[in-house]
Amino acid sequence: PFVGRAGQLLDKIMLAAGFDLEKDVYITNVVKRRPPGNRDPTAAEVAHYMPMLREEIRLVAPMIVVLCGRIAMTALLPAEKRGITKVRGEWFNVHLSNSMNAEESAV
């Protein structure tokens, strides 16, 4: 999901924080296929992939979910009306499925 300079920076940040990238970190996207022309996904495209994302999160069973980017934030925090820069660093408790809760941070 994160490639190029952004991916390299994320890797450096995770390593500096003491995470093992193979054991401690799982990265995924809300939308599993890039929309044509690299445009933002539509609400319908996000809705299509949400059951898959929720199942992924259920199977991985993370202690924390870090939301990187506006699309991830709006998909998992739909009631939040402030922009991503306004909620940066805040913690949210989000009900993700019938069987689990996780804490999420918008970054």
PDB file of N, CA and C in Angstrom:
ATOM      1  N   PRO A   1       0.790  -1.212   0.000  1.00  0.00           N
ATOM      2  CA  PRO A   1       0.000   0.000   0.000  1.00  0.00           C
ATOM      3  C   PRO A   1       0.827   1.269   0.000  1.00  0.00           C
ATOM      4  N   PHE A   2       1.958   1.273   0.694  1.00  0.00           N
ATOM      5  CA  PHE A   2       2.809   2.456   0.716  1.00  0.00           C
ATOM      6  C   PHE A   2       4.078   2.134  -0.051  1.00  0.00           C
ATOM      7  N   VAL A   3       4.281   2.846  -1.151  1.00  0.00           N
ATOM      8  CA  VAL A   3       5.444   2.610  -1.994  1.00  0.00           C
ATOM      9  C   VAL A   3       6.199   3.915  -2.183  1.00  0.00           C
ATOM     10  N   GLY A   4       7.370   3.815  -2.772  1.00  0.00           N
ATOM     11  CA  GLY A   4       8.156   5.008  -3.049  1.00  0.00           C
ATOM     12  C   GLY A   4       8.656   5.662  -1.772  1.00  0.00           C
ATOM     13  N   ARG A   5       8.832   6.984  -1.853  1.00  0.00           N
ATOM     14  CA  ARG A   5       9.365   7.725  -0.702  1.00  0.00           C
ATOM     15  C   ARG A   5       8.451   7.638   0.511  1.00  0.00           C
ATOM     16  N   ALA A   6       7.130   7.667   0.297  1.00  0.00           N
ATOM     17  CA  ALA A   6       6.194   7.580   1.432  1.00  0.00           C
ATOM     18  C   ALA A   6       6.342   6.234   2.137  1.00  0.00           C
ATOM     19  N   GLY A   7       6.475   5.162   1.370  1.00  0.00           N
ATOM     20  CA  GLY A   7       6.650   3.834   1.962  1.00  0.00           C
ATOM     21  C   GLY A   7       7.956   3.702   2.706  1.00  0.00           C
ATOM     22  N   GLN A   8       9.018   4.253   2.125  1.00  0.00           N
ATOM     23  CA  GLN A   8      10.322   4.210   2.782  1.00  0.00           C
ATOM     24  C   GLN A   8      10.300   4.989   4.092  1.00  0.00           C
ATOM     25  N   LEU A   9       9.629   6.142   4.088  1.00  0.00           N
ATOM     26  CA  LEU A   9       9.523   6.941   5.312  1.00  0.00           C
ATOM     27  C   LEU A   9       8.713   6.203   6.372  1.00  0.00           C
ATOM     28  N   LEU A  10       7.592   5.598   5.966  1.00  0.00           N
ATOM     29  CA  LEU A  10       6.785   4.836   6.922  1.00  0.00           C
ATOM     30  C   LEU A  10       7.591   3.685   7.515  1.00  0.00           C
ATOM     31  N   ASP A  11       8.345   2.980   6.689  1.00  0.00           N
ATOM     32  CA  ASP A  11       9.199   1.898   7.190  1.00  0.00           C
ATOM     33  C   ASP A  11      10.202   2.429   8.211  1.00  0.00           C
ATOM     34  N   LYS A  12      10.841   3.544   7.917  1.00  0.00           N
ATOM     35  CA  LYS A  12      11.820   4.126   8.842  1.00  0.00           C
ATOM     36  C   LYS A  12      11.166   4.515  10.161  1.00  0.00           C
ATOM     37  N   ILE A  13       9.985   5.096  10.084  1.00  0.00           N
ATOM     38  CA  ILE A  13       9.273   5.496  11.300  1.00  0.00           C
ATOM     39  C   ILE A  13       8.936   4.277  12.140  1.00  0.00           C
ATOM     40  N   MET A  14       8.417   3.234  11.509  1.00  0.00           N
ATOM     41  CA  MET A  14       8.048   2.011  12.240  1.00  0.00           C
ATOM     42  C   MET A  14       9.275   1.356  12.863  1.00  0.00           C
ATOM     43  N   LEU A  15      10.354   1.283  12.112  1.00  0.00           N
ATOM     44  CA  LEU A  15      11.588   0.692  12.647  1.00  0.00           C
ATOM     45  C   LEU A  15      12.135   1.518  13.802  1.00  0.00           C
ATOM     46  N   ALA A  16      12.114   2.844  13.667  1.00  0.00           N
ATOM     47  CA  ALA A  16      12.606   3.717  14.738  1.00  0.00           C
ATOM     48  C   ALA A  16      11.766   3.577  15.998  1.00  0.00           C
ATOM     49  N   ALA A  17      10.482   3.254  15.828  1.00  0.00           N
ATOM     50  CA  ALA A  17       9.596   3.061  16.980  1.00  0.00           C
ATOM     51  C   ALA A  17       9.749   1.667  17.588  1.00  0.00           C
ATOM     52  N   GLY A  18      10.604   0.842  16.981  1.00  0.00           N
ATOM     53  CA  GLY A  18      10.880  -0.476  17.550  1.00  0.00           C
ATOM     54  C   GLY A  18      10.009  -1.597  17.019  1.00  0.00           C
ATOM     55  N   PHE A  19       9.286  -1.352  15.941  1.00  0.00           N
ATOM     56  CA  PHE A  19       8.436  -2.400  15.374  1.00  0.00           C
ATOM     57  C   PHE A  19       9.226  -3.282  14.415  1.00  0.00           C
ATOM     58  N   ASP A  20       8.950  -4.571  14.437  1.00  0.00           N
ATOM     59  CA  ASP A  20       9.459  -5.506  13.446  1.00  0.00           C
ATOM     60  C   ASP A  20       8.444  -5.498  12.309  1.00  0.00           C
ATOM     61  N   LEU A  21       8.864  -5.066  11.130  1.00  0.00           N
ATOM     62  CA  LEU A  21       7.930  -4.895  10.016  1.00  0.00           C
ATOM     63  C   LEU A  21       7.301  -6.212   9.570  1.00  0.00           C
ATOM     64  N   GLU A  22       7.959  -7.330   9.814  1.00  0.00           N
ATOM     65  CA  GLU A  22       7.418  -8.633   9.420  1.00  0.00           C
ATOM     66  C   GLU A  22       6.447  -9.202  10.458  1.00  0.00           C
ATOM     67  N   LYS A  23       6.646  -8.869  11.725  1.00  0.00           N
ATOM     68  CA  LYS A  23       5.856  -9.473  12.795  1.00  0.00           C
ATOM     69  C   LYS A  23       4.831  -8.539  13.425  1.00  0.00           C
ATOM     70  N   ASP A  24       5.133  -7.249  13.481  1.00  0.00           N
ATOM     71  CA  ASP A  24       4.318  -6.330  14.260  1.00  0.00           C
ATOM     72  C   ASP A  24       3.402  -5.421  13.447  1.00  0.00           C
ATOM     73  N   VAL A  25       3.601  -5.367  12.145  1.00  0.00           N
ATOM     74  CA  VAL A  25       2.900  -4.376  11.328  1.00  0.00           C
ATOM     75  C   VAL A  25       2.160  -5.064  10.189  1.00  0.00           C
ATOM     76  N   TYR A  26       0.903  -4.686  10.006  1.00  0.00           N
ATOM     77  CA  TYR A  26       0.096  -5.164   8.875  1.00  0.00           C
ATOM     78  C   TYR A  26      -0.490  -3.931   8.205  1.00  0.00           C
ATOM     79  N   ILE A  27      -0.217  -3.760   6.934  1.00  0.00           N
ATOM     80  CA  ILE A  27      -0.694  -2.588   6.207  1.00  0.00           C
ATOM     81  C   ILE A  27      -1.650  -3.039   5.112  1.00  0.00           C
ATOM     82  N   THR A  28      -2.757  -2.326   5.003  1.00  0.00           N
ATOM     83  CA  THR A  28      -3.738  -2.634   3.969  1.00  0.00           C
ATOM     84  C   THR A  28      -4.390  -1.345   3.492  1.00  0.00           C
ATOM     85  N   ASN A  29      -5.185  -1.448   2.472  1.00  0.00           N
ATOM     86  CA  ASN A  29      -5.936  -0.310   1.947  1.00  0.00           C
ATOM     87  C   ASN A  29      -7.429  -0.537   2.123  1.00  0.00           C
ATOM     88  N   VAL A  30      -8.182   0.544   2.194  1.00  0.00           N
ATOM     89  CA  VAL A  30      -9.641   0.451   2.232  1.00  0.00           C
ATOM     90  C   VAL A  30     -10.138  -0.123   0.912  1.00  0.00           C
ATOM     91  N   VAL A  31      -9.704   0.457  -0.184  1.00  0.00           N
ATOM     92  CA  VAL A  31     -10.100   0.022  -1.525  1.00  0.00           C
ATOM     93  C   VAL A  31      -8.967  -0.829  -2.077  1.00  0.00           C
ATOM     94  N   LYS A  32      -9.270  -2.031  -2.490  1.00  0.00           N
ATOM     95  CA  LYS A  32      -8.246  -2.999  -2.866  1.00  0.00           C
ATOM     96  C   LYS A  32      -7.710  -2.824  -4.282  1.00  0.00           C
ATOM     97  N   ARG A  33      -8.410  -2.068  -5.107  1.00  0.00           N
ATOM     98  CA  ARG A  33      -7.935  -1.794  -6.466  1.00  0.00           C
ATOM     99  C   ARG A  33      -7.951  -0.295  -6.702  1.00  0.00           C
ATOM    100  N   ARG A  34      -6.884   0.211  -7.265  1.00  0.00           N
ATOM    101  CA  ARG A  34      -6.774   1.640  -7.524  1.00  0.00           C
ATOM    102  C   ARG A  34      -7.818   2.057  -8.551  1.00  0.00           C
ATOM    103  N   PRO A  35      -8.611   3.077  -8.244  1.00  0.00           N
ATOM    104  CA  PRO A  35      -9.606   3.549  -9.215  1.00  0.00           C
ATOM    105  C   PRO A  35      -8.931   4.103 -10.476  1.00  0.00           C
ATOM    106  N   PRO A  36      -9.645   4.040 -11.589  1.00  0.00           N
ATOM    107  CA  PRO A  36      -9.073   4.539 -12.846  1.00  0.00           C
ATOM    108  C   PRO A  36      -8.572   5.980 -12.714  1.00  0.00           C
ATOM    109  N   GLY A  37      -7.436   6.236 -13.317  1.00  0.00           N
ATOM    110  CA  GLY A  37      -6.878   7.579 -13.297  1.00  0.00           C
ATOM    111  C   GLY A  37      -6.376   8.010 -11.931  1.00  0.00           C
ATOM    112  N   ASN A  38      -6.230   7.065 -11.011  1.00  0.00           N
ATOM    113  CA  ASN A  38      -5.764   7.346  -9.653  1.00  0.00           C
ATOM    114  C   ASN A  38      -6.660   8.354  -8.926  1.00  0.00           C
ATOM    115  N   ARG A  39      -7.942   8.385  -9.287  1.00  0.00           N
ATOM    116  CA  ARG A  39      -8.884   9.289  -8.637  1.00  0.00           C
ATOM    117  C   ARG A  39      -9.249   8.757  -7.258  1.00  0.00           C
ATOM    118  N   ASP A  40      -9.854   9.597  -6.424  1.00  0.00           N
ATOM    119  CA  ASP A  40     -10.367   9.125  -5.142  1.00  0.00           C
ATOM    120  C   ASP A  40     -11.474   8.110  -5.393  1.00  0.00           C
ATOM    121  N   PRO A  41     -11.568   7.086  -4.544  1.00  0.00           N
ATOM    122  CA  PRO A  41     -12.662   6.137  -4.715  1.00  0.00           C
ATOM    123  C   PRO A  41     -14.010   6.790  -4.409  1.00  0.00           C
ATOM    124  N   THR A  42     -15.035   6.338  -5.096  1.00  0.00           N
ATOM    125  CA  THR A  42     -16.378   6.832  -4.826  1.00  0.00           C
ATOM    126  C   THR A  42     -16.899   6.211  -3.534  1.00  0.00           C
ATOM    127  N   ALA A  43     -17.967   6.774  -3.006  1.00  0.00           N
ATOM    128  CA  ALA A  43     -18.598   6.211  -1.801  1.00  0.00           C
ATOM    129  C   ALA A  43     -19.038   4.778  -2.072  1.00  0.00           C
ATOM    130  N   ALA A  44     -19.527   4.504  -3.273  1.00  0.00           N
ATOM    131  CA  ALA A  44     -19.962   3.145  -3.620  1.00  0.00           C
ATOM    132  C   ALA A  44     -18.785   2.176  -3.645  1.00  0.00           C
ATOM    133  N   GLU A  45     -17.638   2.626  -4.137  1.00  0.00           N
ATOM    134  CA  GLU A  45     -16.453   1.756  -4.159  1.00  0.00           C
ATOM    135  C   GLU A  45     -15.977   1.463  -2.736  1.00  0.00           C
ATOM    136  N   VAL A  46     -15.957   2.472  -1.896  1.00  0.00           N
ATOM    137  CA  VAL A  46     -15.569   2.264  -0.495  1.00  0.00           C
ATOM    138  C   VAL A  46     -16.548   1.301   0.174  1.00  0.00           C
ATOM    139  N   ALA A  47     -17.840   1.513  -0.028  1.00  0.00           N
ATOM    140  CA  ALA A  47     -18.865   0.636   0.576  1.00  0.00           C
ATOM    141  C   ALA A  47     -18.700  -0.805   0.099  1.00  0.00           C
ATOM    142  N   HIS A  48     -18.335  -0.987  -1.167  1.00  0.00           N
ATOM    143  CA  HIS A  48     -18.137  -2.333  -1.718  1.00  0.00           C
ATOM    144  C   HIS A  48     -17.037  -3.083  -0.971  1.00  0.00           C
ATOM    145  N   TYR A  49     -15.951  -2.379  -0.635  1.00  0.00           N
ATOM    146  CA  TYR A  49     -14.801  -3.020  -0.005  1.00  0.00           C
ATOM    147  C   TYR A  49     -14.858  -3.053   1.521  1.00  0.00           C
ATOM    148  N   MET A  50     -15.767  -2.333   2.144  1.00  0.00           N
ATOM    149  CA  MET A  50     -15.804  -2.290   3.609  1.00  0.00           C
ATOM    150  C   MET A  50     -15.991  -3.662   4.265  1.00  0.00           C
ATOM    151  N   PRO A  51     -16.855  -4.543   3.762  1.00  0.00           N
ATOM    152  CA  PRO A  51     -16.945  -5.864   4.404  1.00  0.00           C
ATOM    153  C   PRO A  51     -15.610  -6.621   4.369  1.00  0.00           C
ATOM    154  N   MET A  52     -14.872  -6.494   3.274  1.00  0.00           N
ATOM    155  CA  MET A  52     -13.560  -7.148   3.188  1.00  0.00           C
ATOM    156  C   MET A  52     -12.590  -6.544   4.188  1.00  0.00           C
ATOM    157  N   LEU A  53     -12.598  -5.229   4.295  1.00  0.00           N
ATOM    158  CA  LEU A  53     -11.705  -4.564   5.237  1.00  0.00           C
ATOM    159  C   LEU A  53     -12.042  -4.960   6.670  1.00  0.00           C
ATOM    160  N   ARG A  54     -13.319  -4.969   7.002  1.00  0.00           N
ATOM    161  CA  ARG A  54     -13.723  -5.357   8.360  1.00  0.00           C
ATOM    162  C   ARG A  54     -13.313  -6.803   8.665  1.00  0.00           C
ATOM    163  N   GLU A  55     -13.421  -7.695   7.682  1.00  0.00           N
ATOM    164  CA  GLU A  55     -13.012  -9.087   7.881  1.00  0.00           C
ATOM    165  C   GLU A  55     -11.492  -9.176   8.031  1.00  0.00           C
ATOM    166  N   GLU A  56     -10.769  -8.423   7.244  1.00  0.00           N
ATOM    167  CA  GLU A  56      -9.314  -8.370   7.386  1.00  0.00           C
ATOM    168  C   GLU A  56      -8.930  -7.953   8.798  1.00  0.00           C
ATOM    169  N   ILE A  57      -9.552  -6.893   9.275  1.00  0.00           N
ATOM    170  CA  ILE A  57      -9.261  -6.398  10.621  1.00  0.00           C
ATOM    171  C   ILE A  57      -9.640  -7.448  11.662  1.00  0.00           C
ATOM    172  N   ARG A  58     -10.765  -8.111  11.474  1.00  0.00           N
ATOM    173  CA  ARG A  58     -11.181  -9.158  12.413  1.00  0.00           C
ATOM    174  C   ARG A  58     -10.152 -10.289  12.457  1.00  0.00           C
ATOM    175  N   LEU A  59      -9.679 -10.715  11.293  1.00  0.00           N
ATOM    176  CA  LEU A  59      -8.727 -11.830  11.233  1.00  0.00           C
ATOM    177  C   LEU A  59      -7.360 -11.459  11.798  1.00  0.00           C
ATOM    178  N   VAL A  60      -6.906 -10.258  11.528  1.00  0.00           N
ATOM    179  CA  VAL A  60      -5.613  -9.814  12.034  1.00  0.00           C
ATOM    180  C   VAL A  60      -5.692  -9.528  13.534  1.00  0.00           C
ATOM    181  N   ALA A  61      -6.861  -9.088  13.992  1.00  0.00           N
ATOM    182  CA  ALA A  61      -7.113  -8.790  15.410  1.00  0.00           C
ATOM    183  C   ALA A  61      -6.073  -7.836  16.000  1.00  0.00           C
ATOM    184  N   PRO A  62      -5.934  -6.656  15.411  1.00  0.00           N
ATOM    185  CA  PRO A  62      -4.915  -5.725  15.906  1.00  0.00           C
ATOM    186  C   PRO A  62      -5.308  -5.093  17.237  1.00  0.00           C
ATOM    187  N   MET A  63      -4.303  -4.692  17.983  1.00  0.00           N
ATOM    188  CA  MET A  63      -4.554  -3.931  19.201  1.00  0.00           C
ATOM    189  C   MET A  63      -4.874  -2.483  18.842  1.00  0.00           C
ATOM    190  N   ILE A  64      -4.225  -1.993  17.808  1.00  0.00           N
ATOM    191  CA  ILE A  64      -4.403  -0.613  17.364  1.00  0.00           C
ATOM    192  C   ILE A  64      -4.484  -0.609  15.839  1.00  0.00           C
ATOM    193  N   VAL A  65      -5.352   0.226  15.317  1.00  0.00           N
ATOM    194  CA  VAL A  65      -5.429   0.475  13.882  1.00  0.00           C
ATOM    195  C   VAL A  65      -5.038   1.928  13.669  1.00  0.00           C
ATOM    196  N   VAL A  66      -4.032   2.155  12.858  1.00  0.00           N
ATOM    197  CA  VAL A  66      -3.598   3.511  12.548  1.00  0.00           C
ATOM    198  C   VAL A  66      -4.136   3.862  11.165  1.00  0.00           C
ATOM    199  N   LEU A  67      -4.899   4.927  11.110  1.00  0.00           N
ATOM    200  CA  LEU A  67      -5.480   5.350   9.843  1.00  0.00           C
ATOM    201  C   LEU A  67      -4.536   6.345   9.177  1.00  0.00           C
ATOM    202  N   CYS A  68      -4.067   6.008   8.005  1.00  0.00           N
ATOM    203  CA  CYS A  68      -3.141   6.863   7.267  1.00  0.00           C
ATOM    204  C   CYS A  68      -3.853   7.404   6.035  1.00  0.00           C
ATOM    205  N   GLY A  69      -4.312   8.620   6.125  1.00  0.00           N
ATOM    206  CA  GLY A  69      -4.919   9.257   4.974  1.00  0.00           C
ATOM    207  C   GLY A  69      -6.401   9.516   5.113  1.00  0.00           C
ATOM    208  N   ARG A  70      -6.852  10.431   4.280  1.00  0.00           N
ATOM    209  CA  ARG A  70      -8.243  10.893   4.304  1.00  0.00           C
ATOM    210  C   ARG A  70      -9.239   9.789   3.959  1.00  0.00           C
ATOM    211  N   ILE A  71      -8.926   8.954   2.981  1.00  0.00           N
ATOM    212  CA  ILE A  71      -9.864   7.902   2.576  1.00  0.00           C
ATOM    213  C   ILE A  71     -10.066   6.910   3.721  1.00  0.00           C
ATOM    214  N   ALA A  72      -8.987   6.496   4.365  1.00  0.00           N
ATOM    215  CA  ALA A  72      -9.094   5.573   5.501  1.00  0.00           C
ATOM    216  C   ALA A  72      -9.880   6.211   6.635  1.00  0.00           C
ATOM    217  N   MET A  73      -9.594   7.476   6.918  1.00  0.00           N
ATOM    218  CA  MET A  73     -10.293   8.147   8.010  1.00  0.00           C
ATOM    219  C   MET A  73     -11.796   8.245   7.739  1.00  0.00           C
ATOM    220  N   THR A  74     -12.159   8.681   6.552  1.00  0.00           N
ATOM    221  CA  THR A  74     -13.590   8.839   6.270  1.00  0.00           C
ATOM    222  C   THR A  74     -14.303   7.498   6.183  1.00  0.00           C
ATOM    223  N   ALA A  75     -13.590   6.436   5.785  1.00  0.00           N
ATOM    224  CA  ALA A  75     -14.209   5.110   5.704  1.00  0.00           C
ATOM    225  C   ALA A  75     -14.486   4.524   7.082  1.00  0.00           C
ATOM    226  N   LEU A  76     -13.548   4.682   8.008  1.00  0.00           N
ATOM    227  CA  LEU A  76     -13.696   4.061   9.325  1.00  0.00           C
ATOM    228  C   LEU A  76     -14.219   5.000  10.403  1.00  0.00           C
ATOM    229  N   LEU A  77     -14.223   6.285  10.119  1.00  0.00           N
ATOM    230  CA  LEU A  77     -14.787   7.265  11.047  1.00  0.00           C
ATOM    231  C   LEU A  77     -15.807   8.129  10.301  1.00  0.00           C
ATOM    232  N   PRO A  78     -16.861   7.529   9.764  1.00  0.00           N
ATOM    233  CA  PRO A  78     -17.789   8.288   8.911  1.00  0.00           C
ATOM    234  C   PRO A  78     -18.513   9.430   9.618  1.00  0.00           C
ATOM    235  N   ALA A  79     -18.666   9.368  10.920  1.00  0.00           N
ATOM    236  CA  ALA A  79     -19.370  10.430  11.649  1.00  0.00           C
ATOM    237  C   ALA A  79     -18.464  11.633  11.916  1.00  0.00           C
ATOM    238  N   GLU A  80     -17.161  11.454  11.743  1.00  0.00           N
ATOM    239  CA  GLU A  80     -16.217  12.542  12.005  1.00  0.00           C
ATOM    240  C   GLU A  80     -16.241  13.529  10.849  1.00  0.00           C
ATOM    241  N   LYS A  81     -16.618  14.755  11.141  1.00  0.00           N
ATOM    242  CA  LYS A  81     -16.762  15.769  10.093  1.00  0.00           C
ATOM    243  C   LYS A  81     -15.534  16.661   9.950  1.00  0.00           C
ATOM    244  N   ARG A  82     -14.645  16.638  10.950  1.00  0.00           N
ATOM    245  CA  ARG A  82     -13.422  17.429  10.837  1.00  0.00           C
ATOM    246  C   ARG A  82     -12.473  16.755   9.849  1.00  0.00           C
ATOM    247  N   GLY A  83     -11.618  17.518   9.239  1.00  0.00           N
ATOM    248  CA  GLY A  83     -10.639  16.965   8.314  1.00  0.00           C
ATOM    249  C   GLY A  83      -9.546  16.205   9.040  1.00  0.00           C
ATOM    250  N   ILE A  84      -8.777  15.466   8.286  1.00  0.00           N
ATOM    251  CA  ILE A  84      -7.748  14.619   8.881  1.00  0.00           C
ATOM    252  C   ILE A  84      -6.699  15.432   9.651  1.00  0.00           C
ATOM    253  N   THR A  85      -6.370  16.622   9.189  1.00  0.00           N
ATOM    254  CA  THR A  85      -5.375  17.409   9.918  1.00  0.00           C
ATOM    255  C   THR A  85      -5.905  17.900  11.257  1.00  0.00           C
ATOM    256  N   LYS A  86      -7.206  18.008  11.390  1.00  0.00           N
ATOM    257  CA  LYS A  86      -7.813  18.448  12.653  1.00  0.00           C
ATOM    258  C   LYS A  86      -7.870  17.332  13.689  1.00  0.00           C
ATOM    259  N   VAL A  87      -7.899  16.075  13.247  1.00  0.00           N
ATOM    260  CA  VAL A  87      -7.998  14.960  14.195  1.00  0.00           C
ATOM    261  C   VAL A  87      -6.670  14.218  14.359  1.00  0.00           C
ATOM    262  N   ARG A  88      -5.646  14.726  13.708  1.00  0.00           N
ATOM    263  CA  ARG A  88      -4.341  14.072  13.784  1.00  0.00           C
ATOM    264  C   ARG A  88      -3.928  13.865  15.233  1.00  0.00           C
ATOM    265  N   GLY A  89      -3.557  12.631  15.558  1.00  0.00           N
ATOM    266  CA  GLY A  89      -3.098  12.303  16.891  1.00  0.00           C
ATOM    267  C   GLY A  89      -4.190  11.983  17.895  1.00  0.00           C
ATOM    268  N   GLU A  90      -5.448  12.167  17.529  1.00  0.00           N
ATOM    269  CA  GLU A  90      -6.551  11.835  18.440  1.00  0.00           C
ATOM    270  C   GLU A  90      -6.833  10.341  18.388  1.00  0.00           C
ATOM    271  N   TRP A  91      -7.363   9.823  19.496  1.00  0.00           N
ATOM    272  CA  TRP A  91      -7.733   8.410  19.590  1.00  0.00           C
ATOM    273  C   TRP A  91      -9.247   8.285  19.553  1.00  0.00           C
ATOM    274  N   PHE A  92      -9.720   7.264  18.877  1.00  0.00           N
ATOM    275  CA  PHE A  92     -11.150   6.993  18.763  1.00  0.00           C
ATOM    276  C   PHE A  92     -11.403   5.523  19.082  1.00  0.00           C
ATOM    277  N   ASN A  93     -12.455   5.241  19.825  1.00  0.00           N
ATOM    278  CA  ASN A  93     -12.908   3.868  20.004  1.00  0.00           C
ATOM    279  C   ASN A  93     -13.959   3.614  18.943  1.00  0.00           C
ATOM    280  N   VAL A  94     -13.743   2.579  18.153  1.00  0.00           N
ATOM    281  CA  VAL A  94     -14.626   2.294  17.029  1.00  0.00           C
ATOM    282  C   VAL A  94     -15.061   0.845  17.086  1.00  0.00           C
ATOM    283  N   HIS A  95     -16.362   0.614  16.943  1.00  0.00           N
ATOM    284  CA  HIS A  95     -16.890  -0.743  16.865  1.00  0.00           C
ATOM    285  C   HIS A  95     -16.714  -1.219  15.435  1.00  0.00           C
ATOM    286  N   LEU A  96     -15.874  -2.233  15.246  1.00  0.00           N
ATOM    287  CA  LEU A  96     -15.523  -2.667  13.892  1.00  0.00           C
ATOM    288  C   LEU A  96     -16.338  -3.853  13.389  1.00  0.00           C
ATOM    289  N   SER A  97     -16.841  -4.687  14.264  1.00  0.00           N
ATOM    290  CA  SER A  97     -17.623  -5.846  13.838  1.00  0.00           C
ATOM    291  C   SER A  97     -18.465  -6.307  15.005  1.00  0.00           C
ATOM    292  N   ASN A  98     -19.192  -7.376  14.812  1.00  0.00           N
ATOM    293  CA  ASN A  98     -20.030  -7.909  15.889  1.00  0.00           C
ATOM    294  C   ASN A  98     -19.215  -8.448  17.056  1.00  0.00           C
ATOM    295  N   SER A  99     -17.945  -8.772  16.804  1.00  0.00           N
ATOM    296  CA  SER A  99     -17.188  -9.460  17.841  1.00  0.00           C
ATOM    297  C   SER A  99     -15.963  -8.722  18.346  1.00  0.00           C
ATOM    298  N   MET A 100     -15.692  -7.531  17.855  1.00  0.00           N
ATOM    299  CA  MET A 100     -14.465  -6.886  18.323  1.00  0.00           C
ATOM    300  C   MET A 100     -14.573  -5.379  18.343  1.00  0.00           C
ATOM    301  N   ASN A 101     -13.758  -4.784  19.167  1.00  0.00           N
ATOM    302  CA  ASN A 101     -13.555  -3.335  19.196  1.00  0.00           C
ATOM    303  C   ASN A 101     -12.059  -3.105  19.086  1.00  0.00           C
ATOM    304  N   ALA A 102     -11.684  -2.000  18.544  1.00  0.00           N
ATOM    305  CA  ALA A 102     -10.260  -1.634  18.505  1.00  0.00           C
ATOM    306  C   ALA A 102     -10.166  -0.143  18.671  1.00  0.00           C
ATOM    307  N   GLU A 103      -9.031   0.291  19.132  1.00  0.00           N
ATOM    308  CA  GLU A 103      -8.791   1.714  19.197  1.00  0.00           C
ATOM    309  C   GLU A 103      -8.115   2.111  17.903  1.00  0.00           C
ATOM    310  N   GLU A 104      -8.508   3.234  17.389  1.00  0.00           N
ATOM    311  CA  GLU A 104      -7.929   3.715  16.138  1.00  0.00           C
ATOM    312  C   GLU A 104      -7.407   5.113  16.338  1.00  0.00           C
ATOM    313  N   SER A 105      -6.341   5.426  15.681  1.00  0.00           N
ATOM    314  CA  SER A 105      -5.782   6.769  15.706  1.00  0.00           C
ATOM    315  C   SER A 105      -5.706   7.278  14.290  1.00  0.00           C
ATOM    316  N   ALA A 106      -6.190   8.462  14.064  1.00  0.00           N
ATOM    317  CA  ALA A 106      -6.020   9.089  12.754  1.00  0.00           C
ATOM    318  C   ALA A 106      -4.656   9.763  12.751  1.00  0.00           C
ATOM    319  N   VAL A 107      -3.866   9.465  11.754  1.00  0.00           N
ATOM    320  CA  VAL A 107      -2.503  10.004  11.690  1.00  0.00           C
ATOM    321  C   VAL A 107      -2.374  10.879  10.470  1.00  0.00           C
TER     322      VAL A 107
END
